[in-house]
C-alpha atoms as a PDB file:
ATOM      1  CA  MET A   1      21.454  -5.290  19.323  1.00  0.00           C
ATOM      2  CA  PHE A   2      18.045  -3.474  18.181  1.00  0.00           C
ATOM      3  CA  HIS A   3      19.806  -0.462  17.272  1.00  0.00           C
ATOM      4  CA  ARG A   4      22.329  -2.136  15.410  1.00  0.00           C
ATOM      5  CA  THR A   5      20.013  -3.928  13.013  1.00  0.00           C
ATOM      6  CA  LEU A   6      18.413  -0.639  12.133  1.00  0.00           C
ATOM      7  CA  GLU A   7      21.759   1.171  11.595  1.00  0.00           C
ATOM      8  CA  GLY A   8      22.339  -1.635   9.352  1.00  0.00           C
ATOM      9  CA  HIS A   9      18.808  -1.140   7.903  1.00  0.00           C
ATOM     10  CA  GLU A  10      19.697   2.498   7.188  1.00  0.00           C
ATOM     11  CA  SER A  11      23.434   1.685   5.413  1.00  0.00           C
ATOM     12  CA  ALA A  12      21.789  -0.880   3.315  1.00  0.00           C
ATOM     13  CA  ARG A  13      19.203   1.603   1.720  1.00  0.00           C
ATOM     14  CA  LYS A  14      22.000   4.433   1.542  1.00  0.00           C
ATOM     15  CA  ARG A  15      23.860   1.906  -0.919  1.00  0.00           C
ATOM     16  CA  GLY A  16      20.594   1.225  -2.588  1.00  0.00           C
ATOM     17  CA  ARG A  17      19.693  -1.800  -1.501  1.00  0.00           C
ATOM     18  CA  THR A  18      16.243  -2.928  -0.356  1.00  0.00           C
ATOM     19  CA  ILE A  19      14.845  -4.841   3.135  1.00  0.00           C
ATOM     20  CA  GLY A  20      12.798  -7.532   3.152  1.00  0.00           C
ATOM     21  CA  GLY A  21      10.829  -9.478   0.650  1.00  0.00           C
ATOM     22  CA  ALA A  22       9.623  -8.920  -3.210  1.00  0.00           C
ATOM     23  CA  GLY A  23       6.323  -7.857  -2.981  1.00  0.00           C
ATOM     24  CA  VAL A  24       3.875 -10.601  -3.935  1.00  0.00           C
ATOM     25  CA  THR A  25       0.539  -7.804  -5.161  1.00  0.00           C
ATOM     26  CA  ASP A  26      -0.139  -6.324  -8.726  1.00  0.00           C
ATOM     27  CA  GLU A  27      -2.925  -4.040  -9.892  1.00  0.00           C
ATOM     28  CA  SER A  28      -4.626  -6.841 -11.232  1.00  0.00           C
ATOM     29  CA  MET A  29      -5.051  -8.947  -7.371  1.00  0.00           C
ATOM     30  CA  LEU A  30      -5.749  -5.248  -6.000  1.00  0.00           C
ATOM     31  CA  SER A  31      -8.757  -5.197  -8.352  1.00  0.00           C
ATOM     32  CA  MET A  32      -9.850  -8.294  -7.404  1.00  0.00           C
ATOM     33  CA  ALA A  33      -9.760  -7.862  -3.529  1.00  0.00           C
ATOM     34  CA  LEU A  34     -11.643  -3.891  -4.231  1.00  0.00           C
ATOM     35  CA  HIS A  35     -14.300  -6.161  -6.192  1.00  0.00           C
ATOM     36  CA  LEU A  36     -14.662  -8.773  -3.386  1.00  0.00           C
ATOM     37  CA  ARG A  37     -14.838  -6.364  -0.410  1.00  0.00           C
ATOM     38  CA  GLU A  38     -17.538  -4.618  -2.514  1.00  0.00           C
ATOM     39  CA  GLN A  39     -19.714  -7.889  -2.126  1.00  0.00           C
ATOM     40  CA  GLU A  40     -18.775  -7.562   1.961  1.00  0.00           C
ATOM     41  CA  MET A  41     -16.371 -10.949   2.156  1.00  0.00           C
ATOM     42  CA  SER A  42     -13.961 -11.213   4.912  1.00  0.00           C
ATOM     43  CA  LEU A  43     -10.298 -10.958   4.556  1.00  0.00           C
ATOM     44  CA  ARG A  44      -9.899 -14.337   4.842  1.00  0.00           C
ATOM     45  CA  ASP A  45     -12.243 -15.615   2.117  1.00  0.00           C
ATOM     46  CA  ILE A  46     -10.623 -13.083  -0.185  1.00  0.00           C
ATOM     47  CA  ALA A  47      -7.017 -14.402   0.604  1.00  0.00           C
ATOM     48  CA  LYS A  48      -8.381 -17.769  -0.509  1.00  0.00           C
ATOM     49  CA  ARG A  49      -9.956 -16.540  -3.869  1.00  0.00           C
ATOM     50  CA  LEU A  50      -6.405 -14.700  -4.863  1.00  0.00           C
ATOM     51  CA  VAL A  51      -3.438 -16.158  -6.218  1.00  0.00           C
ATOM     52  CA  ILE A  52       0.193 -15.002  -6.526  1.00  0.00           C
ATOM     53  CA  THR A  53       1.145 -14.817 -10.166  1.00  0.00           C
ATOM     54  CA  THR A  54       4.850 -14.204  -9.715  1.00  0.00           C
ATOM     55  CA  GLY A  55       8.026 -15.325  -7.718  1.00  0.00           C
ATOM     56  CA  THR A  56       8.691 -18.344  -5.570  1.00  0.00           C
ATOM     57  CA  THR A  57       5.321 -18.019  -4.016  1.00  0.00           C
ATOM     58  CA  LYS A  58       3.530 -18.704  -7.672  1.00  0.00           C
ATOM     59  CA  GLY A  59       0.548 -20.306  -7.145  1.00  0.00           C
ATOM     60  CA  ARG A  60      -0.120 -19.483  -3.887  1.00  0.00           C
ATOM     61  CA  HIS A  61      -2.835 -17.450  -1.793  1.00  0.00           C
ATOM     62  CA  PRO A  62      -1.728 -14.413  -0.164  1.00  0.00           C
ATOM     63  CA  SER A  63      -2.157 -14.116   3.712  1.00  0.00           C
ATOM     64  CA  PRO A  64      -5.154 -12.346   5.021  1.00  0.00           C
ATOM     65  CA  ALA A  65      -2.837  -9.740   6.595  1.00  0.00           C
ATOM     66  CA  THR A  66      -1.314  -9.271   3.078  1.00  0.00           C
ATOM     67  CA  VAL A  67      -4.759  -8.386   1.724  1.00  0.00           C
ATOM     68  CA  MET A  68      -5.549  -6.277   4.792  1.00  0.00           C
ATOM     69  CA  ARG A  69      -2.052  -4.152   3.762  1.00  0.00           C
ATOM     70  CA  MET A  70      -2.885  -3.730   0.253  1.00  0.00           C
ATOM     71  CA  LEU A  71      -6.438  -2.647   0.552  1.00  0.00           C
ATOM     72  CA  HIS A  72      -5.289  -0.307   3.488  1.00  0.00           C
ATOM     73  CA  GLU A  73      -2.989   1.325   1.519  1.00  0.00           C
ATOM     74  CA  HIS A  74      -5.041   1.829  -1.320  1.00  0.00           C
ATOM     75  CA  ASP A  75      -7.549   3.283   0.394  1.00  0.00           C
ATOM     76  CA  GLU A  76      -4.902   6.035   2.051  1.00  0.00           C
ATOM     77  CA  HIS A  77      -3.542   6.520  -1.294  1.00  0.00           C
ATOM     78  CA  THR A  78      -7.311   7.179  -2.696  1.00  0.00           C
ATOM     79  CA  THR A  79      -7.939   9.325   0.438  1.00  0.00           C
ATOM     80  CA  ALA A  80      -4.706  11.315  -0.195  1.00  0.00           C
ATOM     81  CA  MET A  81      -5.624  11.854  -4.086  1.00  0.00           C
ATOM     82  CA  GLU A  82      -9.013  13.103  -3.331  1.00  0.00           C
ATOM     83  CA  THR A  83      -7.636  15.439  -0.597  1.00  0.00           C
ATOM     84  CA  ALA A  84      -4.618  16.791  -2.685  1.00  0.00           C
ATOM     85  CA  GLY A  85      -7.784  17.385  -5.631  1.00  0.00           C
ATOM     86  CA  ARG A  86      -9.943  19.233  -3.331  1.00  0.00           C
ATOM     87  CA  LEU A  87      -7.108  21.059  -1.794  1.00  0.00           C
ATOM     88  CA  ALA A  88      -5.938  22.402  -5.152  1.00  0.00           C
ATOM     89  CA  ALA A  89      -9.595  23.244  -6.623  1.00  0.00           C
ATOM     90  CA  GLN A  90      -9.734  25.787  -3.880  1.00  0.00           C
ATOM     91  CA  PRO A  91      -8.867  29.418  -5.043  1.00  0.00           C
ATOM     92  CA  LEU A  92      -5.628  30.550  -3.095  1.00  0.00           C
ATOM     93  CA  THR A  93      -6.889  33.379  -0.914  1.00  0.00           C
ATOM     94  CA  LEU A  94      -4.069  36.336  -0.288  1.00  0.00           C
ATOM     95  CA  ILE A  95      -4.413  38.027   3.001  1.00  0.00           C
ATOM     96  CA  PRO A  96      -2.556  41.682   2.886  1.00  0.00           C
ATOM     97  CA  ARG A  97       0.309  41.985   5.268  1.00  0.00           C
ATOM     98  CA  ASP A  98       0.077  45.209   7.340  1.00  0.00           C
ATOM     99  CA  GLU A  99       2.430  47.908   6.667  1.00  0.00           C
END
């Protein structure tokens, strides 16, 4: 049954359908979460201070898991961008071929 579900999800993606609910996070929520994390607040406390601004859950607070996922994705993206920047800044060294 699990495999049939995965096949259905894959088929839906090929047809351009999305799986899962709508995202509740936005740039302003991320900015506030980063600010609160710098103040060493817990994920629960950060989630209590954030408010969802769109969708059917408008006016409610995101779960601590949503806050953790949002911050984790931000950290991964930032790390990837820094790594790409360092790699682009390094000179390319050509190794001569023995012929």
